[in-house]
Amino acid sequence: CIWQNNLIKDLNRKLWHEKLIRYQILYISELVDDEGNIMSYREFCRARLGGAHHVVNPKDYGDIRMAIRRFCCTEIPTKNVSNIDSDLKINFFIGTTNTRTHKIREKMAARLPVDEIPALKAWTRDLAVESINWELVFKTLYGTFTNNLKIIQFQFKLLHRVSTCRYMRYRMNIDRQSGNCYNCNTVLETLMHIYIECPITKLFVARVNRLIKEKIDPSYSDDTKIFYLTCSHTNPTINFLWAIAKYYISRNFQNKKNFHWVAFINFMKLSLIGEKPSVVTTITDILEPT
């Protein structure tokens, strides 16, 4: 996380921006484009803020860019990305001075959802399976495969069917043109369509599947797509890979962009900043553009 981080400073001043935090801009990857470059002010506003320029002014954004560049400079002896997220106190979110991220996850795991939650029942039905071990799903989500709170939040929203999709935005009058998929044109862009049914998603997911079977687990099989959707495999690296893949899918649909494998690989590498060492090591070894 870039906010209140001792390693990312603008002239020895830790970064903080209330409006960007409200817009869920929390991680370095949110300010970086698909090629790994820090976005310009206009690029950032267009890509992350829907074109709005009132959220952050050019001077403040410039200060943030410079702080990130100083952090990324290899000549800085104090750079240490291995603890950039896990050591961050989040008292500015919850109003206490002693709670860290792992404490929050323990509290979340203690309040596991039940099988009768409508959104979870809908996923079970849509995947055409008899049951899904939702308790395992959420215990895995809260504590085992990623340090990235942004990814945890995204996965939580997706499972509860409150993630964004064009059909939802159309019904809310946010998108006034259409609720249809930007790729298929004649099919409603629902969550089920984005992540399961759309032809471009199917091709992309098939390629990620091949990557897992060729580089991580030759015996891997997920015909029901339960592991893909829920990220509840016993291998944390597979869960991390699927979580980032779905986040990449979501961003591309929202921005009406085509899928490019090299862009996904670069996005994956950026997502490794501050991640668990075991995941970083495995992903770094396997993620080479093919």
C-alpha atoms as a PDB file:
ATOM      1  CA  CYS A   1       0.000   0.000   0.000  1.00  0.00           C
ATOM      2  CA  ILE A   2       1.351   3.459  -0.839  1.00  0.00           C
ATOM      3  CA  TRP A   3      -0.410   5.366   1.958  1.00  0.00           C
ATOM      4  CA  GLN A   4       1.339   5.952   5.305  1.00  0.00           C
ATOM      5  CA  ASN A   5       4.125   3.660   4.173  1.00  0.00           C
ATOM      6  CA  ASN A   6       7.552   4.265   5.689  1.00  0.00           C
ATOM      7  CA  LEU A   7       9.242   3.135   2.482  1.00  0.00           C
ATOM      8  CA  ILE A   8       7.373   5.400   0.063  1.00  0.00           C
ATOM      9  CA  LYS A   9       7.812   9.065   0.916  1.00  0.00           C
ATOM     10  CA  ASP A  10       7.755  12.446  -0.766  1.00  0.00           C
ATOM     11  CA  LEU A  11      10.769  14.269   0.668  1.00  0.00           C
ATOM     12  CA  ASN A  12      10.565  12.295   3.930  1.00  0.00           C
ATOM     13  CA  ARG A  13       6.797  12.829   4.172  1.00  0.00           C
ATOM     14  CA  LYS A  14       4.584   9.736   4.080  1.00  0.00           C
ATOM     15  CA  LEU A  15       1.859   9.849   1.455  1.00  0.00           C
ATOM     16  CA  TRP A  16      -1.816  10.371   2.229  1.00  0.00           C
ATOM     17  CA  HIS A  17      -4.756  11.380   0.008  1.00  0.00           C
ATOM     18  CA  GLU A  18      -8.290  11.049   1.385  1.00  0.00           C
ATOM     19  CA  LYS A  19     -10.115  11.215  -1.955  1.00  0.00           C
ATOM     20  CA  LEU A  20      -7.926   8.640  -3.684  1.00  0.00           C
ATOM     21  CA  ILE A  21      -8.386   6.283  -0.740  1.00  0.00           C
ATOM     22  CA  ARG A  22     -12.165   6.670  -1.058  1.00  0.00           C
ATOM     23  CA  TYR A  23     -11.771   5.678  -4.714  1.00  0.00           C
ATOM     24  CA  GLN A  24      -9.926   2.520  -3.549  1.00  0.00           C
ATOM     25  CA  ILE A  25      -6.586   3.660  -4.986  1.00  0.00           C
ATOM     26  CA  LEU A  26      -4.351   1.834  -2.521  1.00  0.00           C
ATOM     27  CA  TYR A  27      -1.505   0.077  -4.335  1.00  0.00           C
ATOM     28  CA  ILE A  28       1.358   0.996  -6.644  1.00  0.00           C
ATOM     29  CA  SER A  29      -0.181  -1.155  -9.373  1.00  0.00           C
ATOM     30  CA  GLU A  30      -3.125   1.276  -9.555  1.00  0.00           C
ATOM     31  CA  LEU A  31      -0.775   3.978 -10.879  1.00  0.00           C
ATOM     32  CA  VAL A  32       1.061   1.783 -13.376  1.00  0.00           C
ATOM     33  CA  ASP A  33       0.007   1.023 -16.955  1.00  0.00           C
ATOM     34  CA  ASP A  34       0.139  -2.344 -18.723  1.00  0.00           C
ATOM     35  CA  GLU A  35       3.725  -1.696 -19.835  1.00  0.00           C
ATOM     36  CA  GLY A  36       4.942  -1.110 -16.283  1.00  0.00           C
ATOM     37  CA  ASN A  37       5.271   2.684 -16.523  1.00  0.00           C
ATOM     38  CA  ILE A  38       3.854   5.142 -14.002  1.00  0.00           C
ATOM     39  CA  MET A  39       0.879   6.790 -15.682  1.00  0.00           C
ATOM     40  CA  SER A  40       0.748  10.490 -16.420  1.00  0.00           C
ATOM     41  CA  TYR A  41      -1.883  12.589 -14.665  1.00  0.00           C
ATOM     42  CA  ARG A  42      -4.269  12.448 -17.625  1.00  0.00           C
ATOM     43  CA  GLU A  43      -3.712   8.724 -18.145  1.00  0.00           C
ATOM     44  CA  PHE A  44      -4.406   8.034 -14.475  1.00  0.00           C
ATOM     45  CA  CYS A  45      -7.599  10.099 -14.385  1.00  0.00           C
ATOM     46  CA  ARG A  46      -8.864   8.404 -17.535  1.00  0.00           C
ATOM     47  CA  ALA A  47      -7.936   4.844 -16.508  1.00  0.00           C
ATOM     48  CA  ARG A  48      -8.758   4.879 -12.783  1.00  0.00           C
ATOM     49  CA  LEU A  49     -11.168   7.762 -12.183  1.00  0.00           C
ATOM     50  CA  GLY A  50     -13.421   7.549 -15.224  1.00  0.00           C
ATOM     51  CA  GLY A  51     -11.986  10.772 -16.634  1.00  0.00           C
ATOM     52  CA  ALA A  52     -12.674  12.818 -13.489  1.00  0.00           C
ATOM     53  CA  HIS A  53     -10.081  15.486 -12.641  1.00  0.00           C
ATOM     54  CA  HIS A  54     -11.583  16.744  -9.375  1.00  0.00           C
ATOM     55  CA  VAL A  55     -10.363  13.823  -7.245  1.00  0.00           C
ATOM     56  CA  VAL A  56      -6.670  14.699  -7.315  1.00  0.00           C
ATOM     57  CA  ASN A  57      -4.913  17.745  -8.748  1.00  0.00           C
ATOM     58  CA  PRO A  58      -1.809  17.555 -10.982  1.00  0.00           C
ATOM     59  CA  LYS A  59       0.559  18.776  -8.236  1.00  0.00           C
ATOM     60  CA  ASP A  60      -0.527  16.187  -5.672  1.00  0.00           C
ATOM     61  CA  TYR A  61      -0.418  13.429  -8.286  1.00  0.00           C
ATOM     62  CA  GLY A  62       3.063  14.573  -9.298  1.00  0.00           C
ATOM     63  CA  ASP A  63       4.244  14.297  -5.692  1.00  0.00           C
ATOM     64  CA  ILE A  64       2.883  10.742  -5.516  1.00  0.00           C
ATOM     65  CA  ARG A  65       4.614   9.801  -8.777  1.00  0.00           C
ATOM     66  CA  MET A  66       7.950  11.144  -7.546  1.00  0.00           C
ATOM     67  CA  ALA A  67       7.653   9.241  -4.262  1.00  0.00           C
ATOM     68  CA  ILE A  68       7.024   5.988  -6.121  1.00  0.00           C
ATOM     69  CA  ARG A  69       9.926   6.647  -8.474  1.00  0.00           C
ATOM     70  CA  ARG A  70      12.258   7.251  -5.526  1.00  0.00           C
ATOM     71  CA  PHE A  71      11.071   4.006  -3.957  1.00  0.00           C
ATOM     72  CA  CYS A  72      11.631   2.068  -7.180  1.00  0.00           C
ATOM     73  CA  CYS A  73      15.118   3.493  -7.699  1.00  0.00           C
ATOM     74  CA  THR A  74      17.639   0.701  -7.171  1.00  0.00           C
ATOM     75  CA  GLU A  75      20.132   3.149  -5.657  1.00  0.00           C
ATOM     76  CA  ILE A  76      17.968   3.630  -2.559  1.00  0.00           C
ATOM     77  CA  PRO A  77      19.509   1.306   0.088  1.00  0.00           C
ATOM     78  CA  THR A  78      16.355   1.103   2.246  1.00  0.00           C
ATOM     79  CA  LYS A  79      14.119  -0.356  -0.463  1.00  0.00           C
ATOM     80  CA  ASN A  80      12.429  -3.531   0.776  1.00  0.00           C
ATOM     81  CA  VAL A  81       9.259  -4.619  -1.034  1.00  0.00           C
ATOM     82  CA  SER A  82       8.903  -7.855   0.915  1.00  0.00           C
ATOM     83  CA  ASN A  83       7.141  -6.122   3.804  1.00  0.00           C
ATOM     84  CA  ILE A  84       5.500  -3.208   2.048  1.00  0.00           C
ATOM     85  CA  ASP A  85       1.958  -4.391   2.772  1.00  0.00           C
ATOM     86  CA  SER A  86       2.140  -6.852   5.656  1.00  0.00           C
ATOM     87  CA  ASP A  87       3.857  -4.383   7.999  1.00  0.00           C
ATOM     88  CA  LEU A  88       1.462  -1.532   7.289  1.00  0.00           C
ATOM     89  CA  LYS A  89      -0.652  -0.506  10.260  1.00  0.00           C
ATOM     90  CA  ILE A  90      -4.213   0.242   9.198  1.00  0.00           C
ATOM     91  CA  ASN A  91      -5.338   2.184  12.266  1.00  0.00           C
ATOM     92  CA  PHE A  92      -6.327   5.063   9.941  1.00  0.00           C
ATOM     93  CA  PHE A  93      -9.069   2.781   8.560  1.00  0.00           C
ATOM     94  CA  ILE A  94     -10.392   1.247  11.784  1.00  0.00           C
ATOM     95  CA  GLY A  95      -9.656   3.738  14.556  1.00  0.00           C
ATOM     96  CA  THR A  96      -7.268   1.689  16.708  1.00  0.00           C
ATOM     97  CA  THR A  97      -3.518   1.867  17.167  1.00  0.00           C
ATOM     98  CA  ASN A  98      -2.726  -1.812  17.660  1.00  0.00           C
ATOM     99  CA  THR A  99      -4.556  -3.689  14.948  1.00  0.00           C
ATOM    100  CA  ARG A 100      -2.662  -4.984  11.923  1.00  0.00           C
ATOM    101  CA  THR A 101      -3.956  -6.576   8.761  1.00  0.00           C
ATOM    102  CA  HIS A 102      -3.680 -10.145  10.024  1.00  0.00           C
ATOM    103  CA  LYS A 103      -5.829  -9.217  13.053  1.00  0.00           C
ATOM    104  CA  ILE A 104      -8.529  -7.915  10.751  1.00  0.00           C
ATOM    105  CA  ARG A 105      -8.422 -11.152   8.756  1.00  0.00           C
ATOM    106  CA  GLU A 106      -8.853 -13.194  11.928  1.00  0.00           C
ATOM    107  CA  LYS A 107     -11.995 -11.221  12.751  1.00  0.00           C
ATOM    108  CA  MET A 108     -13.307 -11.659   9.200  1.00  0.00           C
ATOM    109  CA  ALA A 109     -12.725 -15.428   9.307  1.00  0.00           C
ATOM    110  CA  ALA A 110     -14.635 -15.641  12.581  1.00  0.00           C
ATOM    111  CA  ARG A 111     -17.732 -14.358  10.789  1.00  0.00           C
ATOM    112  CA  LEU A 112     -17.958 -16.868   7.979  1.00  0.00           C
ATOM    113  CA  PRO A 113     -21.032 -16.698   5.724  1.00  0.00           C
ATOM    114  CA  VAL A 114     -23.527 -19.512   5.559  1.00  0.00           C
ATOM    115  CA  ASP A 115     -24.653 -21.574   2.583  1.00  0.00           C
ATOM    116  CA  GLU A 116     -28.006 -19.771   2.511  1.00  0.00           C
ATOM    117  CA  ILE A 117     -26.591 -16.435   1.376  1.00  0.00           C
ATOM    118  CA  PRO A 118     -28.372 -15.808  -1.972  1.00  0.00           C
ATOM    119  CA  ALA A 119     -25.232 -14.809  -3.882  1.00  0.00           C
ATOM    120  CA  LEU A 120     -23.373 -17.958  -2.840  1.00  0.00           C
ATOM    121  CA  LYS A 121     -26.355 -20.136  -3.647  1.00  0.00           C
ATOM    122  CA  ALA A 122     -26.505 -18.479  -7.079  1.00  0.00           C
ATOM    123  CA  TRP A 123     -22.867 -19.328  -7.822  1.00  0.00           C
ATOM    124  CA  THR A 124     -23.466 -22.940  -6.810  1.00  0.00           C
ATOM    125  CA  ARG A 125     -26.425 -23.059  -9.159  1.00  0.00           C
ATOM    126  CA  ASP A 126     -24.669 -21.298 -12.055  1.00  0.00           C
ATOM    127  CA  LEU A 127     -21.660 -23.600 -11.882  1.00  0.00           C
ATOM    128  CA  ALA A 128     -24.068 -26.564 -11.938  1.00  0.00           C
ATOM    129  CA  VAL A 129     -22.528 -28.245  -8.900  1.00  0.00           C
ATOM    130  CA  GLU A 130     -24.269 -29.793  -5.923  1.00  0.00           C
ATOM    131  CA  SER A 131     -22.352 -27.844  -3.290  1.00  0.00           C
ATOM    132  CA  ILE A 132     -19.319 -25.660  -2.615  1.00  0.00           C
ATOM    133  CA  ASN A 133     -17.413 -25.634   0.665  1.00  0.00           C
ATOM    134  CA  TRP A 134     -17.920 -21.930   1.334  1.00  0.00           C
ATOM    135  CA  GLU A 135     -16.353 -22.115   4.783  1.00  0.00           C
ATOM    136  CA  LEU A 136     -13.101 -23.318   3.198  1.00  0.00           C
ATOM    137  CA  VAL A 137     -13.417 -20.704   0.465  1.00  0.00           C
ATOM    138  CA  PHE A 138     -13.550 -17.782   2.888  1.00  0.00           C
ATOM    139  CA  LYS A 139     -10.946 -19.142   5.271  1.00  0.00           C
ATOM    140  CA  THR A 140      -8.599 -19.416   2.287  1.00  0.00           C
ATOM    141  CA  LEU A 141      -9.510 -15.919   1.134  1.00  0.00           C
ATOM    142  CA  TYR A 142      -8.910 -14.293   4.508  1.00  0.00           C
ATOM    143  CA  GLY A 143      -5.623 -15.820   5.428  1.00  0.00           C
ATOM    144  CA  THR A 144      -3.575 -17.966   3.089  1.00  0.00           C
ATOM    145  CA  PHE A 145      -2.845 -16.890  -0.459  1.00  0.00           C
ATOM    146  CA  THR A 146      -2.295 -13.119  -0.684  1.00  0.00           C
ATOM    147  CA  ASN A 147      -1.195 -10.064   1.278  1.00  0.00           C
ATOM    148  CA  ASN A 148      -2.965  -7.777  -1.180  1.00  0.00           C
ATOM    149  CA  LEU A 149      -6.047  -6.319   0.488  1.00  0.00           C
ATOM    150  CA  LYS A 150      -7.233  -4.965  -2.856  1.00  0.00           C
ATOM    151  CA  ILE A 151      -7.371  -8.492  -4.286  1.00  0.00           C
ATOM    152  CA  ILE A 152      -9.098  -9.821  -1.171  1.00  0.00           C
ATOM    153  CA  GLN A 153     -11.692  -7.064  -1.454  1.00  0.00           C
ATOM    154  CA  PHE A 154     -12.202  -7.775  -5.160  1.00  0.00           C
ATOM    155  CA  GLN A 155     -12.627 -11.517  -4.587  1.00  0.00           C
ATOM    156  CA  PHE A 156     -15.033 -10.909  -1.691  1.00  0.00           C
ATOM    157  CA  LYS A 157     -17.188  -8.610  -3.829  1.00  0.00           C
ATOM    158  CA  LEU A 158     -17.207 -11.061  -6.721  1.00  0.00           C
ATOM    159  CA  LEU A 159     -18.336 -13.974  -4.548  1.00  0.00           C
ATOM    160  CA  HIS A 160     -21.114 -11.806  -3.099  1.00  0.00           C
ATOM    161  CA  ARG A 161     -22.054 -10.606  -6.599  1.00  0.00           C
ATOM    162  CA  VAL A 162     -21.541  -6.937  -5.908  1.00  0.00           C
ATOM    163  CA  SER A 163     -18.639  -6.526  -8.347  1.00  0.00           C
ATOM    164  CA  THR A 164     -19.217  -4.133 -11.171  1.00  0.00           C
ATOM    165  CA  CYS A 165     -20.485  -5.192 -14.594  1.00  0.00           C
ATOM    166  CA  ARG A 166     -21.891  -3.195 -17.482  1.00  0.00           C
ATOM    167  CA  TYR A 167     -25.422  -4.531 -16.991  1.00  0.00           C
ATOM    168  CA  MET A 168     -25.363  -3.330 -13.374  1.00  0.00           C
ATOM    169  CA  ARG A 169     -23.994   0.069 -14.391  1.00  0.00           C
ATOM    170  CA  TYR A 170     -26.663   0.338 -17.088  1.00  0.00           C
ATOM    171  CA  ARG A 171     -29.454  -0.403 -14.614  1.00  0.00           C
ATOM    172  CA  MET A 172     -28.011   2.253 -12.294  1.00  0.00           C
ATOM    173  CA  ASN A 173     -27.878   4.804 -15.163  1.00  0.00           C
ATOM    174  CA  ILE A 174     -24.092   5.009 -14.894  1.00  0.00           C
ATOM    175  CA  ASP A 175     -23.672   3.581 -18.387  1.00  0.00           C
ATOM    176  CA  ARG A 176     -26.441   5.140 -20.456  1.00  0.00           C
ATOM    177  CA  GLN A 177     -25.600   3.425 -23.748  1.00  0.00           C
ATOM    178  CA  SER A 178     -26.144  -0.292 -23.207  1.00  0.00           C
ATOM    179  CA  GLY A 179     -25.958  -3.154 -20.735  1.00  0.00           C
ATOM    180  CA  ASN A 180     -24.516  -5.518 -23.329  1.00  0.00           C
ATOM    181  CA  CYS A 181     -21.034  -7.013 -23.435  1.00  0.00           C
ATOM    182  CA  TYR A 182     -18.587  -4.801 -25.329  1.00  0.00           C
ATOM    183  CA  ASN A 183     -17.240  -7.902 -27.073  1.00  0.00           C
ATOM    184  CA  CYS A 184     -20.413  -9.879 -27.838  1.00  0.00           C
ATOM    185  CA  ASN A 185     -22.653  -6.805 -28.367  1.00  0.00           C
ATOM    186  CA  THR A 186     -25.945  -8.728 -28.176  1.00  0.00           C
ATOM    187  CA  VAL A 187     -25.503 -10.433 -24.782  1.00  0.00           C
ATOM    188  CA  LEU A 188     -26.005  -8.786 -21.397  1.00  0.00           C
ATOM    189  CA  GLU A 189     -22.732  -8.215 -19.577  1.00  0.00           C
ATOM    190  CA  THR A 190     -23.565  -9.925 -16.268  1.00  0.00           C
ATOM    191  CA  LEU A 191     -20.993 -11.280 -13.834  1.00  0.00           C
ATOM    192  CA  MET A 192     -21.698 -14.784 -15.089  1.00  0.00           C
ATOM    193  CA  HIS A 193     -21.051 -13.625 -18.649  1.00  0.00           C
ATOM    194  CA  ILE A 194     -17.836 -11.760 -17.778  1.00  0.00           C
ATOM    195  CA  TYR A 195     -16.156 -14.566 -15.860  1.00  0.00           C
ATOM    196  CA  ILE A 196     -17.686 -17.764 -17.265  1.00  0.00           C
ATOM    197  CA  GLU A 197     -19.521 -17.370 -20.565  1.00  0.00           C
ATOM    198  CA  CYS A 198     -17.848 -14.730 -22.746  1.00  0.00           C
ATOM    199  CA  PRO A 199     -15.739 -16.245 -25.558  1.00  0.00           C
ATOM    200  CA  ILE A 200     -12.737 -13.989 -24.889  1.00  0.00           C
ATOM    201  CA  THR A 201     -12.810 -14.963 -21.220  1.00  0.00           C
ATOM    202  CA  LYS A 202     -12.967 -18.653 -22.104  1.00  0.00           C
ATOM    203  CA  LEU A 203      -9.876 -18.338 -24.317  1.00  0.00           C
ATOM    204  CA  PHE A 204      -7.974 -16.425 -21.652  1.00  0.00           C
ATOM    205  CA  VAL A 205      -8.961 -18.834 -18.847  1.00  0.00           C
ATOM    206  CA  ALA A 206      -7.939 -21.796 -21.012  1.00  0.00           C
ATOM    207  CA  ARG A 207      -4.484 -20.265 -21.435  1.00  0.00           C
ATOM    208  CA  VAL A 208      -4.114 -19.703 -17.688  1.00  0.00           C
ATOM    209  CA  ASN A 209      -5.189 -23.326 -17.198  1.00  0.00           C
ATOM    210  CA  ARG A 210      -2.416 -24.460 -19.540  1.00  0.00           C
ATOM    211  CA  LEU A 211       0.093 -22.341 -17.620  1.00  0.00           C
ATOM    212  CA  ILE A 212      -0.920 -24.000 -14.344  1.00  0.00           C
ATOM    213  CA  LYS A 213      -0.713 -27.517 -15.800  1.00  0.00           C
ATOM    214  CA  GLU A 214       2.605 -26.912 -17.560  1.00  0.00           C
ATOM    215  CA  LYS A 215       4.437 -24.918 -14.876  1.00  0.00           C
ATOM    216  CA  ILE A 216       2.785 -25.583 -11.485  1.00  0.00           C
ATOM    217  CA  ASP A 217       0.726 -28.780 -11.256  1.00  0.00           C
ATOM    218  CA  PRO A 218       0.503 -31.282 -14.152  1.00  0.00           C
ATOM    219  CA  SER A 219      -2.409 -33.035 -12.427  1.00  0.00           C
ATOM    220  CA  TYR A 220      -4.457 -29.854 -12.066  1.00  0.00           C
ATOM    221  CA  SER A 221      -8.079 -30.170 -13.190  1.00  0.00           C
ATOM    222  CA  ASP A 222     -10.978 -27.756 -12.777  1.00  0.00           C
ATOM    223  CA  ASP A 223     -13.797 -28.736 -15.119  1.00  0.00           C
ATOM    224  CA  THR A 224     -16.400 -27.240 -12.766  1.00  0.00           C
ATOM    225  CA  LYS A 225     -14.423 -23.953 -12.503  1.00  0.00           C
ATOM    226  CA  ILE A 226     -14.766 -24.011  -8.721  1.00  0.00           C
ATOM    227  CA  PHE A 227     -11.049 -23.389  -8.138  1.00  0.00           C
ATOM    228  CA  TYR A 228     -11.066 -20.628 -10.746  1.00  0.00           C
ATOM    229  CA  LEU A 229     -14.037 -18.831  -9.208  1.00  0.00           C
ATOM    230  CA  THR A 230     -13.433 -19.413  -5.493  1.00  0.00           C
ATOM    231  CA  CYS A 231      -9.608 -19.573  -5.280  1.00  0.00           C
ATOM    232  CA  SER A 232      -9.854 -22.454  -2.800  1.00  0.00           C
ATOM    233  CA  HIS A 233      -7.206 -24.816  -4.150  1.00  0.00           C
ATOM    234  CA  THR A 234      -4.681 -26.299  -1.724  1.00  0.00           C
ATOM    235  CA  ASN A 235      -1.851 -24.572  -3.623  1.00  0.00           C
ATOM    236  CA  PRO A 236      -1.663 -20.853  -2.669  1.00  0.00           C
ATOM    237  CA  THR A 237       0.134 -19.976  -5.903  1.00  0.00           C
ATOM    238  CA  ILE A 238      -2.743 -21.341  -8.000  1.00  0.00           C
ATOM    239  CA  ASN A 239      -5.206 -19.347  -5.913  1.00  0.00           C
ATOM    240  CA  PHE A 240      -3.127 -16.183  -6.307  1.00  0.00           C
ATOM    241  CA  LEU A 241      -2.845 -16.738 -10.044  1.00  0.00           C
ATOM    242  CA  TRP A 242      -6.624 -17.110 -10.457  1.00  0.00           C
ATOM    243  CA  ALA A 243      -7.358 -14.096  -8.266  1.00  0.00           C
ATOM    244  CA  ILE A 244      -5.074 -11.852 -10.327  1.00  0.00           C
ATOM    245  CA  ALA A 245      -6.433 -13.337 -13.564  1.00  0.00           C
ATOM    246  CA  LYS A 246     -10.012 -12.484 -12.577  1.00  0.00           C
ATOM    247  CA  TYR A 247      -8.965  -8.990 -11.500  1.00  0.00           C
ATOM    248  CA  TYR A 248      -7.308  -8.535 -14.911  1.00  0.00           C
ATOM    249  CA  ILE A 249     -10.502  -9.771 -16.609  1.00  0.00           C
ATOM    250  CA  SER A 250     -12.584  -7.327 -14.580  1.00  0.00           C
ATOM    251  CA  ARG A 251     -10.382  -4.331 -15.435  1.00  0.00           C
ATOM    252  CA  ASN A 252     -10.397  -5.159 -19.137  1.00  0.00           C
ATOM    253  CA  PHE A 253     -14.163  -5.510 -19.297  1.00  0.00           C
ATOM    254  CA  GLN A 254     -14.688  -2.296 -17.383  1.00  0.00           C
ATOM    255  CA  ASN A 255     -12.281  -0.408 -19.654  1.00  0.00           C
ATOM    256  CA  LYS A 256     -13.475  -2.236 -22.813  1.00  0.00           C
ATOM    257  CA  LYS A 257      -9.945  -3.401 -23.607  1.00  0.00           C
ATOM    258  CA  ASN A 258      -8.734  -6.479 -25.431  1.00  0.00           C
ATOM    259  CA  PHE A 259      -6.877  -9.257 -23.648  1.00  0.00           C
ATOM    260  CA  HIS A 260      -3.119  -9.492 -24.264  1.00  0.00           C
ATOM    261  CA  TRP A 261      -1.042 -12.212 -22.656  1.00  0.00           C
ATOM    262  CA  VAL A 262       2.122 -10.125 -22.256  1.00  0.00           C
ATOM    263  CA  ALA A 263       0.078  -7.341 -20.648  1.00  0.00           C
ATOM    264  CA  PHE A 264      -1.355  -9.893 -18.215  1.00  0.00           C
ATOM    265  CA  ILE A 265       2.123 -11.188 -17.377  1.00  0.00           C
ATOM    266  CA  ASN A 266       3.293  -7.637 -16.665  1.00  0.00           C
ATOM    267  CA  PHE A 267       0.193  -6.999 -14.563  1.00  0.00           C
ATOM    268  CA  MET A 268       0.896 -10.173 -12.622  1.00  0.00           C
ATOM    269  CA  LYS A 269       4.479  -9.149 -11.918  1.00  0.00           C
ATOM    270  CA  LEU A 270       3.364  -5.752 -10.642  1.00  0.00           C
ATOM    271  CA  SER A 271       0.914  -7.491  -8.326  1.00  0.00           C
ATOM    272  CA  LEU A 272       3.802  -9.354  -6.672  1.00  0.00           C
ATOM    273  CA  ILE A 273       4.993  -6.205  -4.870  1.00  0.00           C
ATOM    274  CA  GLY A 274       4.665  -6.881  -1.145  1.00  0.00           C
ATOM    275  CA  GLU A 275       3.353 -10.409  -1.720  1.00  0.00           C
ATOM    276  CA  LYS A 276       4.125 -13.557   0.250  1.00  0.00           C
ATOM    277  CA  PRO A 277       7.722 -14.680  -0.462  1.00  0.00           C
ATOM    278  CA  SER A 278       6.663 -18.222  -1.416  1.00  0.00           C
ATOM    279  CA  VAL A 279       4.177 -16.894  -3.970  1.00  0.00           C
ATOM    280  CA  VAL A 280       6.676 -14.366  -5.327  1.00  0.00           C
ATOM    281  CA  THR A 281       9.302 -17.052  -5.833  1.00  0.00           C
ATOM    282  CA  THR A 282       6.983 -19.465  -7.641  1.00  0.00           C
ATOM    283  CA  ILE A 283       5.293 -16.851  -9.832  1.00  0.00           C
ATOM    284  CA  THR A 284       8.599 -15.199 -10.768  1.00  0.00           C
ATOM    285  CA  ASP A 285       9.946 -18.565 -11.928  1.00  0.00           C
ATOM    286  CA  ILE A 286       6.972 -19.393 -14.150  1.00  0.00           C
ATOM    287  CA  LEU A 287       5.715 -16.094 -15.533  1.00  0.00           C
ATOM    288  CA  GLU A 288       7.588 -15.578 -18.738  1.00  0.00           C
ATOM    289  CA  PRO A 289       5.830 -14.282 -21.887  1.00  0.00           C
ATOM    290  CA  THR A 290       5.092 -17.136 -24.297  1.00  0.00           C
END
